[in-house]
Amino acid sequence: LSRHRLVFPTAVYFAARLSAFAFVLLSAVYKTMPVKHCT
């Protein structure tokens, strides 16, 4: 972010990183917590 210009591939990289982390985190919550609205 600081040393390179923010171009489209870099934006895709950060979108991939954040979405994957969100998926893993939500999967852990879904498996271990009482979320109630399952579907």
PDB file of all heavy atoms in Angstrom:
ATOM      1  N   LEU A   1       0.819  -1.216   0.000  1.00  0.00           N
ATOM      2  CA  LEU A   1       0.000   0.000   0.000  1.00  0.00           C
ATOM      3  C   LEU A   1       0.852   1.265   0.000  1.00  0.00           C
ATOM      4  O   LEU A   1       0.454   2.274  -0.608  1.00  0.00           O
ATOM      5  CB  LEU A   1      -0.921   0.003   1.221  1.00  0.00           C
ATOM      6  CG  LEU A   1      -2.069  -1.003   1.225  1.00  0.00           C
ATOM      7  CD1 LEU A   1      -2.808  -0.958   2.550  1.00  0.00           C
ATOM      8  CD2 LEU A   1      -3.035  -0.729   0.071  1.00  0.00           C
ATOM      9  N   SER A   2       1.981   1.227   0.666  1.00  0.00           N
ATOM     10  CA  SER A   2       2.767   2.455   0.838  1.00  0.00           C
ATOM     11  C   SER A   2       3.823   2.662  -0.245  1.00  0.00           C
ATOM     12  O   SER A   2       4.143   3.797  -0.595  1.00  0.00           O
ATOM     13  CB  SER A   2       3.436   2.456   2.218  1.00  0.00           C
ATOM     14  OG  SER A   2       4.321   1.353   2.341  1.00  0.00           O
ATOM     15  N   ARG A   3       4.367   1.560  -0.769  1.00  0.00           N
ATOM     16  CA  ARG A   3       5.469   1.692  -1.724  1.00  0.00           C
ATOM     17  C   ARG A   3       5.064   1.463  -3.176  1.00  0.00           C
ATOM     18  O   ARG A   3       5.863   1.689  -4.085  1.00  0.00           O
ATOM     19  CB  ARG A   3       6.583   0.707  -1.367  1.00  0.00           C
ATOM     20  CG  ARG A   3       7.196   0.949   0.002  1.00  0.00           C
ATOM     21  CD  ARG A   3       8.358   0.015   0.254  1.00  0.00           C
ATOM     22  NE  ARG A   3       8.949   0.232   1.570  1.00  0.00           N
ATOM     23  CZ  ARG A   3      10.007  -0.445   2.028  1.00  0.00           C
ATOM     24  NH1 ARG A   3      10.574  -1.363   1.265  1.00  0.00           N
ATOM     25  NH2 ARG A   3      10.482  -0.195   3.232  1.00  0.00           N
ATOM     26  N   HIS A   4       3.856   0.961  -3.383  1.00  0.00           N
ATOM     27  CA  HIS A   4       3.390   0.699  -4.738  1.00  0.00           C
ATOM     28  C   HIS A   4       2.078   1.438  -4.982  1.00  0.00           C
ATOM     29  O   HIS A   4       1.298   1.658  -4.056  1.00  0.00           O
ATOM     30  CB  HIS A   4       3.171  -0.810  -4.958  1.00  0.00           C
ATOM     31  CG  HIS A   4       4.418  -1.633  -4.791  1.00  0.00           C
ATOM     32  ND1 HIS A   4       5.270  -1.916  -5.829  1.00  0.00           N
ATOM     33  CD2 HIS A   4       4.957  -2.233  -3.693  1.00  0.00           C
ATOM     34  CE1 HIS A   4       6.271  -2.652  -5.383  1.00  0.00           C
ATOM     35  NE2 HIS A   4       6.099  -2.866  -4.085  1.00  0.00           N
ATOM     36  N   ARG A   5       1.883   1.764  -6.235  1.00  0.00           N
ATOM     37  CA  ARG A   5       0.630   2.413  -6.607  1.00  0.00           C
ATOM     38  C   ARG A   5      -0.517   1.400  -6.498  1.00  0.00           C
ATOM     39  O   ARG A   5      -0.357   0.238  -6.872  1.00  0.00           O
ATOM     40  CB  ARG A   5       0.733   2.953  -8.041  1.00  0.00           C
ATOM     41  CG  ARG A   5      -0.416   3.833  -8.473  1.00  0.00           C
ATOM     42  CD  ARG A   5       0.004   4.637  -9.691  1.00  0.00           C
ATOM     43  NE  ARG A   5       0.527   3.764 -10.743  1.00  0.00           N
ATOM     44  CZ  ARG A   5      -0.223   3.285 -11.743  1.00  0.00           C
ATOM     45  NH1 ARG A   5      -1.504   3.578 -11.809  1.00  0.00           N
ATOM     46  NH2 ARG A   5       0.326   2.510 -12.661  1.00  0.00           N
ATOM     47  N   LEU A   6      -1.656   1.844  -5.987  1.00  0.00           N
ATOM     48  CA  LEU A   6      -2.807   0.946  -5.818  1.00  0.00           C
ATOM     49  C   LEU A   6      -3.475   0.737  -7.169  1.00  0.00           C
ATOM     50  O   LEU A   6      -4.283   1.543  -7.612  1.00  0.00           O
ATOM     51  CB  LEU A   6      -3.798   1.529  -4.805  1.00  0.00           C
ATOM     52  CG  LEU A   6      -5.008   0.633  -4.479  1.00  0.00           C
ATOM     53  CD1 LEU A   6      -4.555  -0.701  -3.900  1.00  0.00           C
ATOM     54  CD2 LEU A   6      -5.963   1.341  -3.525  1.00  0.00           C
ATOM     55  N   VAL A   7      -3.117  -0.356  -7.830  1.00  0.00           N
ATOM     56  CA  VAL A   7      -3.691  -0.701  -9.124  1.00  0.00           C
ATOM     57  C   VAL A   7      -4.708  -1.823  -8.924  1.00  0.00           C
ATOM     58  O   VAL A   7      -4.852  -2.375  -7.829  1.00  0.00           O
ATOM     59  CB  VAL A   7      -2.588  -1.124 -10.116  1.00  0.00           C
ATOM     60  CG1 VAL A   7      -1.694   0.080 -10.458  1.00  0.00           C
ATOM     61  CG2 VAL A   7      -1.747  -2.260  -9.536  1.00  0.00           C
ATOM     62  N   PHE A   8      -5.393  -2.174  -9.999  1.00  0.00           N
ATOM     63  CA  PHE A   8      -6.473  -3.156  -9.908  1.00  0.00           C
ATOM     64  C   PHE A   8      -6.018  -4.498  -9.337  1.00  0.00           C
ATOM     65  O   PHE A   8      -6.683  -5.054  -8.447  1.00  0.00           O
ATOM     66  CB  PHE A   8      -7.125  -3.344 -11.269  1.00  0.00           C
ATOM     67  CG  PHE A   8      -8.260  -4.330 -11.269  1.00  0.00           C
ATOM     68  CD1 PHE A   8      -9.442  -4.066 -10.582  1.00  0.00           C
ATOM     69  CD2 PHE A   8      -8.139  -5.545 -11.937  1.00  0.00           C
ATOM     70  CE1 PHE A   8     -10.482  -4.982 -10.573  1.00  0.00           C
ATOM     71  CE2 PHE A   8      -9.174  -6.457 -11.939  1.00  0.00           C
ATOM     72  CZ  PHE A   8     -10.347  -6.180 -11.257  1.00  0.00           C
ATOM     73  N   PRO A   9      -4.908  -5.097  -9.803  1.00  0.00           N
ATOM     74  CA  PRO A   9      -4.485  -6.379  -9.222  1.00  0.00           C
ATOM     75  C   PRO A   9      -4.235  -6.308  -7.715  1.00  0.00           C
ATOM     76  O   PRO A   9      -4.550  -7.247  -6.981  1.00  0.00           O
ATOM     77  CB  PRO A   9      -3.189  -6.696  -9.981  1.00  0.00           C
ATOM     78  CG  PRO A   9      -3.330  -5.984 -11.274  1.00  0.00           C
ATOM     79  CD  PRO A   9      -4.052  -4.712 -10.943  1.00  0.00           C
ATOM     80  N   THR A  10      -3.677  -5.181  -7.244  1.00  0.00           N
ATOM     81  CA  THR A  10      -3.446  -5.041  -5.805  1.00  0.00           C
ATOM     82  C   THR A  10      -4.765  -4.976  -5.044  1.00  0.00           C
ATOM     83  O   THR A  10      -4.897  -5.552  -3.958  1.00  0.00           O
ATOM     84  CB  THR A  10      -2.609  -3.781  -5.520  1.00  0.00           C
ATOM     85  OG1 THR A  10      -1.409  -3.830  -6.286  1.00  0.00           O
ATOM     86  CG2 THR A  10      -2.253  -3.687  -4.040  1.00  0.00           C
ATOM     87  N   ALA A  11      -5.753  -4.273  -5.622  1.00  0.00           N
ATOM     88  CA  ALA A  11      -7.073  -4.215  -4.992  1.00  0.00           C
ATOM     89  C   ALA A  11      -7.699  -5.609  -4.932  1.00  0.00           C
ATOM     90  O   ALA A  11      -8.327  -5.982  -3.925  1.00  0.00           O
ATOM     91  CB  ALA A  11      -7.974  -3.253  -5.761  1.00  0.00           C
ATOM     92  N   VAL A  12      -7.522  -6.403  -5.995  1.00  0.00           N
ATOM     93  CA  VAL A  12      -8.033  -7.776  -6.002  1.00  0.00           C
ATOM     94  C   VAL A  12      -7.331  -8.609  -4.936  1.00  0.00           C
ATOM     95  O   VAL A  12      -7.958  -9.426  -4.249  1.00  0.00           O
ATOM     96  CB  VAL A  12      -7.845  -8.416  -7.395  1.00  0.00           C
ATOM     97  CG1 VAL A  12      -8.223  -9.895  -7.369  1.00  0.00           C
ATOM     98  CG2 VAL A  12      -8.687  -7.681  -8.435  1.00  0.00           C
ATOM     99  N   TYR A  13      -6.038  -8.398  -4.775  1.00  0.00           N
ATOM    100  CA  TYR A  13      -5.263  -9.113  -3.749  1.00  0.00           C
ATOM    101  C   TYR A  13      -5.847  -8.866  -2.362  1.00  0.00           C
ATOM    102  O   TYR A  13      -6.082  -9.819  -1.597  1.00  0.00           O
ATOM    103  CB  TYR A  13      -3.807  -8.662  -3.814  1.00  0.00           C
ATOM    104  CG  TYR A  13      -2.991  -9.034  -2.601  1.00  0.00           C
ATOM    105  CD1 TYR A  13      -2.462 -10.310  -2.450  1.00  0.00           C
ATOM    106  CD2 TYR A  13      -2.758  -8.104  -1.587  1.00  0.00           C
ATOM    107  CE1 TYR A  13      -1.714 -10.651  -1.330  1.00  0.00           C
ATOM    108  CE2 TYR A  13      -2.007  -8.438  -0.462  1.00  0.00           C
ATOM    109  CZ  TYR A  13      -1.492  -9.709  -0.336  1.00  0.00           C
ATOM    110  OH  TYR A  13      -0.764 -10.050   0.780  1.00  0.00           O
ATOM    111  N   PHE A  14      -6.093  -7.606  -2.017  1.00  0.00           N
ATOM    112  CA  PHE A  14      -6.625  -7.305  -0.691  1.00  0.00           C
ATOM    113  C   PHE A  14      -8.064  -7.808  -0.546  1.00  0.00           C
ATOM    114  O   PHE A  14      -8.462  -8.244   0.538  1.00  0.00           O
ATOM    115  CB  PHE A  14      -6.545  -5.807  -0.422  1.00  0.00           C
ATOM    116  CG  PHE A  14      -5.161  -5.339  -0.045  1.00  0.00           C
ATOM    117  CD1 PHE A  14      -4.389  -4.629  -0.939  1.00  0.00           C
ATOM    118  CD2 PHE A  14      -4.639  -5.640   1.199  1.00  0.00           C
ATOM    119  CE1 PHE A  14      -3.108  -4.222  -0.599  1.00  0.00           C
ATOM    120  CE2 PHE A  14      -3.359  -5.242   1.552  1.00  0.00           C
ATOM    121  CZ  PHE A  14      -2.584  -4.526   0.646  1.00  0.00           C
ATOM    122  N   ALA A  15      -8.844  -7.761  -1.624  1.00  0.00           N
ATOM    123  CA  ALA A  15     -10.200  -8.309  -1.572  1.00  0.00           C
ATOM    124  C   ALA A  15     -10.160  -9.816  -1.317  1.00  0.00           C
ATOM    125  O   ALA A  15     -10.971 -10.348  -0.540  1.00  0.00           O
ATOM    126  CB  ALA A  15     -10.938  -8.008  -2.875  1.00  0.00           C
ATOM    127  N   ALA A  16      -9.206 -10.496  -1.937  1.00  0.00           N
ATOM    128  CA  ALA A  16      -9.059 -11.939  -1.731  1.00  0.00           C
ATOM    129  C   ALA A  16      -8.653 -12.245  -0.298  1.00  0.00           C
ATOM    130  O   ALA A  16      -9.190 -13.167   0.337  1.00  0.00           O
ATOM    131  CB  ALA A  16      -8.032 -12.502  -2.714  1.00  0.00           C
ATOM    132  N   ARG A  17      -7.715 -11.478   0.233  1.00  0.00           N
ATOM    133  CA  ARG A  17      -7.243 -11.701   1.599  1.00  0.00           C
ATOM    134  C   ARG A  17      -8.366 -11.495   2.619  1.00  0.00           C
ATOM    135  O   ARG A  17      -8.582 -12.331   3.508  1.00  0.00           O
ATOM    136  CB  ARG A  17      -6.097 -10.733   1.905  1.00  0.00           C
ATOM    137  CG  ARG A  17      -4.860 -10.925   1.065  1.00  0.00           C
ATOM    138  CD  ARG A  17      -4.030 -12.072   1.530  1.00  0.00           C
ATOM    139  NE  ARG A  17      -3.283 -11.753   2.722  1.00  0.00           N
ATOM    140  CZ  ARG A  17      -2.659 -12.648   3.489  1.00  0.00           C
ATOM    141  NH1 ARG A  17      -2.757 -13.930   3.191  1.00  0.00           N
ATOM    142  NH2 ARG A  17      -1.975 -12.289   4.547  1.00  0.00           N
ATOM    143  N   LEU A  18      -9.083 -10.396   2.469  1.00  0.00           N
ATOM    144  CA  LEU A  18     -10.119 -10.062   3.450  1.00  0.00           C
ATOM    145  C   LEU A  18     -11.312 -11.015   3.348  1.00  0.00           C
ATOM    146  O   LEU A  18     -11.867 -11.426   4.372  1.00  0.00           O
ATOM    147  CB  LEU A  18     -10.566  -8.618   3.255  1.00  0.00           C
ATOM    148  CG  LEU A  18      -9.497  -7.557   3.575  1.00  0.00           C
ATOM    149  CD1 LEU A  18     -10.015  -6.164   3.247  1.00  0.00           C
ATOM    150  CD2 LEU A  18      -9.083  -7.631   5.037  1.00  0.00           C
ATOM    151  N   SER A  19     -11.719 -11.359   2.128  1.00  0.00           N
ATOM    152  CA  SER A  19     -12.869 -12.255   1.975  1.00  0.00           C
ATOM    153  C   SER A  19     -12.550 -13.657   2.481  1.00  0.00           C
ATOM    154  O   SER A  19     -13.401 -14.317   3.094  1.00  0.00           O
ATOM    155  CB  SER A  19     -13.314 -12.305   0.511  1.00  0.00           C
ATOM    156  OG  SER A  19     -12.259 -12.730  -0.336  1.00  0.00           O
ATOM    157  N   ALA A  20     -11.324 -14.120   2.264  1.00  0.00           N
ATOM    158  CA  ALA A  20     -10.944 -15.443   2.772  1.00  0.00           C
ATOM    159  C   ALA A  20     -10.923 -15.448   4.295  1.00  0.00           C
ATOM    160  O   ALA A  20     -11.389 -16.410   4.929  1.00  0.00           O
ATOM    161  CB  ALA A  20      -9.579 -15.846   2.215  1.00  0.00           C
ATOM    162  N   PHE A  21     -10.377 -14.382   4.888  1.00  0.00           N
ATOM    163  CA  PHE A  21     -10.356 -14.314   6.351  1.00  0.00           C
ATOM    164  C   PHE A  21     -11.774 -14.242   6.912  1.00  0.00           C
ATOM    165  O   PHE A  21     -12.081 -14.887   7.930  1.00  0.00           O
ATOM    166  CB  PHE A  21      -9.552 -13.093   6.803  1.00  0.00           C
ATOM    167  CG  PHE A  21      -9.448 -12.966   8.302  1.00  0.00           C
ATOM    168  CD1 PHE A  21      -8.679 -13.845   9.038  1.00  0.00           C
ATOM    169  CD2 PHE A  21     -10.150 -11.978   8.977  1.00  0.00           C
ATOM    170  CE1 PHE A  21      -8.586 -13.734  10.425  1.00  0.00           C
ATOM    171  CE2 PHE A  21     -10.069 -11.862  10.360  1.00  0.00           C
ATOM    172  CZ  PHE A  21      -9.281 -12.742  11.089  1.00  0.00           C
ATOM    173  N   ALA A  22     -12.652 -13.479   6.245  1.00  0.00           N
ATOM    174  CA  ALA A  22     -14.047 -13.384   6.692  1.00  0.00           C
ATOM    175  C   ALA A  22     -14.728 -14.742   6.601  1.00  0.00           C
ATOM    176  O   ALA A  22     -15.493 -15.131   7.504  1.00  0.00           O
ATOM    177  CB  ALA A  22     -14.792 -12.354   5.849  1.00  0.00           C
ATOM    178  N   PHE A  23     -14.447 -15.488   5.534  1.00  0.00           N
ATOM    179  CA  PHE A  23     -15.047 -16.814   5.372  1.00  0.00           C
ATOM    180  C   PHE A  23     -14.615 -17.762   6.485  1.00  0.00           C
ATOM    181  O   PHE A  23     -15.440 -18.462   7.086  1.00  0.00           O
ATOM    182  CB  PHE A  23     -14.664 -17.391   4.007  1.00  0.00           C
ATOM    183  CG  PHE A  23     -15.071 -18.818   3.806  1.00  0.00           C
ATOM    184  CD1 PHE A  23     -16.412 -19.184   3.823  1.00  0.00           C
ATOM    185  CD2 PHE A  23     -14.117 -19.805   3.610  1.00  0.00           C
ATOM    186  CE1 PHE A  23     -16.793 -20.512   3.649  1.00  0.00           C
ATOM    187  CE2 PHE A  23     -14.481 -21.130   3.432  1.00  0.00           C
ATOM    188  CZ  PHE A  23     -15.826 -21.482   3.457  1.00  0.00           C
ATOM    189  N   VAL A  24     -13.327 -17.775   6.777  1.00  0.00           N
ATOM    190  CA  VAL A  24     -12.816 -18.658   7.834  1.00  0.00           C
ATOM    191  C   VAL A  24     -13.387 -18.259   9.183  1.00  0.00           C
ATOM    192  O   VAL A  24     -13.815 -19.106   9.981  1.00  0.00           O
ATOM    193  CB  VAL A  24     -11.277 -18.630   7.848  1.00  0.00           C
ATOM    194  CG1 VAL A  24     -10.746 -19.418   9.043  1.00  0.00           C
ATOM    195  CG2 VAL A  24     -10.717 -19.200   6.555  1.00  0.00           C
ATOM    196  N   LEU A  25     -13.413 -16.962   9.455  1.00  0.00           N
ATOM    197  CA  LEU A  25     -13.912 -16.485  10.751  1.00  0.00           C
ATOM    198  C   LEU A  25     -15.399 -16.791  10.921  1.00  0.00           C
ATOM    199  O   LEU A  25     -15.831 -17.290  11.977  1.00  0.00           O
ATOM    200  CB  LEU A  25     -13.663 -14.979  10.873  1.00  0.00           C
ATOM    201  CG  LEU A  25     -14.044 -14.338  12.214  1.00  0.00           C
ATOM    202  CD1 LEU A  25     -13.210 -14.933  13.339  1.00  0.00           C
ATOM    203  CD2 LEU A  25     -13.849 -12.820  12.155  1.00  0.00           C
ATOM    204  N   LEU A  26     -16.201 -16.512   9.894  1.00  0.00           N
ATOM    205  CA  LEU A  26     -17.635 -16.796   9.973  1.00  0.00           C
ATOM    206  C   LEU A  26     -17.900 -18.296  10.080  1.00  0.00           C
ATOM    207  O   LEU A  26     -18.840 -18.715  10.765  1.00  0.00           O
ATOM    208  CB  LEU A  26     -18.353 -16.214   8.756  1.00  0.00           C
ATOM    209  CG  LEU A  26     -18.475 -14.690   8.703  1.00  0.00           C
ATOM    210  CD1 LEU A  26     -19.139 -14.242   7.403  1.00  0.00           C
ATOM    211  CD2 LEU A  26     -19.282 -14.172   9.902  1.00  0.00           C
ATOM    212  N   SER A  27     -17.074 -19.096   9.416  1.00  0.00           N
ATOM    213  CA  SER A  27     -17.231 -20.555   9.512  1.00  0.00           C
ATOM    214  C   SER A  27     -16.981 -21.020  10.945  1.00  0.00           C
ATOM    215  O   SER A  27     -17.689 -21.907  11.454  1.00  0.00           O
ATOM    216  CB  SER A  27     -16.258 -21.257   8.556  1.00  0.00           C
ATOM    217  OG  SER A  27     -16.544 -20.940   7.214  1.00  0.00           O
ATOM    218  N   ALA A  28     -15.982 -20.426  11.601  1.00  0.00           N
ATOM    219  CA  ALA A  28     -15.699 -20.781  12.988  1.00  0.00           C
ATOM    220  C   ALA A  28     -16.850 -20.373  13.901  1.00  0.00           C
ATOM    221  O   ALA A  28     -17.248 -21.125  14.806  1.00  0.00           O
ATOM    222  CB  ALA A  28     -14.396 -20.118  13.440  1.00  0.00           C
ATOM    223  N   VAL A  29     -17.408 -19.181  13.667  1.00  0.00           N
ATOM    224  CA  VAL A  29     -18.564 -18.735  14.462  1.00  0.00           C
ATOM    225  C   VAL A  29     -19.759 -19.655  14.229  1.00  0.00           C
ATOM    226  O   VAL A  29     -20.461 -20.055  15.176  1.00  0.00           O
ATOM    227  CB  VAL A  29     -18.913 -17.275  14.111  1.00  0.00           C
ATOM    228  CG1 VAL A  29     -20.221 -16.858  14.781  1.00  0.00           C
ATOM    229  CG2 VAL A  29     -17.785 -16.339  14.534  1.00  0.00           C
ATOM    230  N   TYR A  30     -20.002 -19.996  12.969  1.00  0.00           N
ATOM    231  CA  TYR A  30     -21.143 -20.863  12.613  1.00  0.00           C
ATOM    232  C   TYR A  30     -21.043 -22.220  13.300  1.00  0.00           C
ATOM    233  O   TYR A  30     -22.054 -22.778  13.762  1.00  0.00           O
ATOM    234  CB  TYR A  30     -21.181 -21.030  11.097  1.00  0.00           C
ATOM    235  CG  TYR A  30     -22.163 -22.062  10.606  1.00  0.00           C
ATOM    236  CD1 TYR A  30     -23.528 -21.792  10.576  1.00  0.00           C
ATOM    237  CD2 TYR A  30     -21.716 -23.305  10.166  1.00  0.00           C
ATOM    238  CE1 TYR A  30     -24.423 -22.754  10.119  1.00  0.00           C
ATOM    239  CE2 TYR A  30     -22.602 -24.256   9.716  1.00  0.00           C
ATOM    240  CZ  TYR A  30     -23.958 -23.977   9.697  1.00  0.00           C
ATOM    241  OH  TYR A  30     -24.844 -24.925   9.256  1.00  0.00           O
ATOM    242  N   LYS A  31     -19.826 -22.762  13.390  1.00  0.00           N
ATOM    243  CA  LYS A  31     -19.648 -24.092  13.960  1.00  0.00           C
ATOM    244  C   LYS A  31     -19.652 -24.102  15.487  1.00  0.00           C
ATOM    245  O   LYS A  31     -19.998 -25.123  16.095  1.00  0.00           O
ATOM    246  CB  LYS A  31     -18.322 -24.692  13.468  1.00  0.00           C
ATOM    247  CG  LYS A  31     -18.293 -25.072  12.000  1.00  0.00           C
ATOM    248  CD  LYS A  31     -19.088 -26.322  11.722  1.00  0.00           C
ATOM    249  CE  LYS A  31     -18.899 -26.810  10.304  1.00  0.00           C
ATOM    250  NZ  LYS A  31     -19.672 -28.047  10.020  1.00  0.00           N
ATOM    251  N   THR A  32     -19.285 -22.991  16.104  1.00  0.00           N
ATOM    252  CA  THR A  32     -19.038 -23.018  17.550  1.00  0.00           C
ATOM    253  C   THR A  32     -19.988 -22.162  18.380  1.00  0.00           C
ATOM    254  O   THR A  32     -20.017 -22.306  19.602  1.00  0.00           O
ATOM    255  CB  THR A  32     -17.608 -22.549  17.852  1.00  0.00           C
ATOM    256  OG1 THR A  32     -17.438 -21.203  17.383  1.00  0.00           O
ATOM    257  CG2 THR A  32     -16.587 -23.442  17.162  1.00  0.00           C
ATOM    258  N   MET A  33     -20.756 -21.276  17.743  1.00  0.00           N
ATOM    259  CA  MET A  33     -21.590 -20.335  18.490  1.00  0.00           C
ATOM    260  C   MET A  33     -23.081 -20.561  18.194  1.00  0.00           C
ATOM    261  O   MET A  33     -23.434 -21.053  17.121  1.00  0.00           O
ATOM    262  CB  MET A  33     -21.220 -18.888  18.134  1.00  0.00           C
ATOM    263  CG  MET A  33     -19.778 -18.531  18.437  1.00  0.00           C
ATOM    264  SD  MET A  33     -19.429 -18.531  20.204  1.00  0.00           S
ATOM    265  CE  MET A  33     -20.377 -17.093  20.708  1.00  0.00           C
ATOM    266  N   PRO A  34     -23.965 -20.193  19.129  1.00  0.00           N
ATOM    267  CA  PRO A  34     -25.418 -20.301  18.873  1.00  0.00           C
ATOM    268  C   PRO A  34     -25.884 -19.127  18.005  1.00  0.00           C
ATOM    269  O   PRO A  34     -26.187 -18.044  18.510  1.00  0.00           O
ATOM    270  CB  PRO A  34     -26.017 -20.233  20.279  1.00  0.00           C
ATOM    271  CG  PRO A  34     -25.016 -19.453  21.081  1.00  0.00           C
ATOM    272  CD  PRO A  34     -23.679 -19.766  20.515  1.00  0.00           C
ATOM    273  N   VAL A  35     -25.930 -19.340  16.689  1.00  0.00           N
ATOM    274  CA  VAL A  35     -26.256 -18.243  15.761  1.00  0.00           C
ATOM    275  C   VAL A  35     -27.766 -18.112  15.510  1.00  0.00           C
ATOM    276  O   VAL A  35     -28.218 -17.133  14.934  1.00  0.00           O
ATOM    277  CB  VAL A  35     -25.521 -18.421  14.421  1.00  0.00           C
ATOM    278  CG1 VAL A  35     -24.024 -18.406  14.638  1.00  0.00           C
ATOM    279  CG2 VAL A  35     -25.934 -19.717  13.730  1.00  0.00           C
ATOM    280  N   LYS A  36     -28.526 -19.117  15.895  1.00  0.00           N
ATOM    281  CA  LYS A  36     -29.988 -19.120  15.843  1.00  0.00           C
ATOM    282  C   LYS A  36     -30.540 -19.214  14.424  1.00  0.00           C
ATOM    283  O   LYS A  36     -31.219 -20.178  14.074  1.00  0.00           O
ATOM    284  CB  LYS A  36     -30.556 -17.888  16.552  1.00  0.00           C
ATOM    285  CG  LYS A  36     -32.072 -17.942  16.751  1.00  0.00           C
ATOM    286  CD  LYS A  36     -32.555 -16.758  17.583  1.00  0.00           C
ATOM    287  CE  LYS A  36     -34.057 -16.852  17.810  1.00  0.00           C
ATOM    288  NZ  LYS A  36     -34.556 -15.737  18.666  1.00  0.00           N
ATOM    289  N   HIS A  37     -30.282 -18.217  13.588  1.00  0.00           N
ATOM    290  CA  HIS A  37     -30.818 -18.217  12.218  1.00  0.00           C
ATOM    291  C   HIS A  37     -29.856 -18.995  11.317  1.00  0.00           C
ATOM    292  O   HIS A  37     -29.037 -18.413  10.600  1.00  0.00           O
ATOM    293  CB  HIS A  37     -31.013 -16.791  11.729  1.00  0.00           C
ATOM    294  CG  HIS A  37     -31.904 -15.972  12.600  1.00  0.00           C
ATOM    295  ND1 HIS A  37     -33.270 -16.175  12.663  1.00  0.00           N
ATOM    296  CD2 HIS A  37     -31.626 -14.963  13.464  1.00  0.00           C
ATOM    297  CE1 HIS A  37     -33.799 -15.312  13.519  1.00  0.00           C
ATOM    298  NE2 HIS A  37     -32.827 -14.574  14.019  1.00  0.00           N
ATOM    299  N   CYS A  38     -29.977 -20.310  11.352  1.00  0.00           N
ATOM    300  CA  CYS A  38     -28.979 -21.184  10.742  1.00  0.00           C
ATOM    301  C   CYS A  38     -28.869 -21.008   9.225  1.00  0.00           C
ATOM    302  O   CYS A  38     -27.770 -20.827   8.693  1.00  0.00           O
ATOM    303  CB  CYS A  38     -29.305 -22.645  11.069  1.00  0.00           C
ATOM    304  SG  CYS A  38     -29.170 -23.038  12.829  1.00  0.00           S
ATOM    305  N   THR A  39     -29.997 -21.055   8.518  1.00  0.00           N
ATOM    306  CA  THR A  39     -29.954 -20.982   7.057  1.00  0.00           C
ATOM    307  C   THR A  39     -29.388 -19.651   6.593  1.00  0.00           C
ATOM    308  O   THR A  39     -28.535 -19.595   5.703  1.00  0.00           O
ATOM    309  CB  THR A  39     -31.355 -21.191   6.475  1.00  0.00           C
ATOM    310  OG1 THR A  39     -31.850 -22.481   6.877  1.00  0.00           O
ATOM    311  CG2 THR A  39     -31.317 -21.138   4.953  1.00  0.00           C
TER     312      THR A  39
END
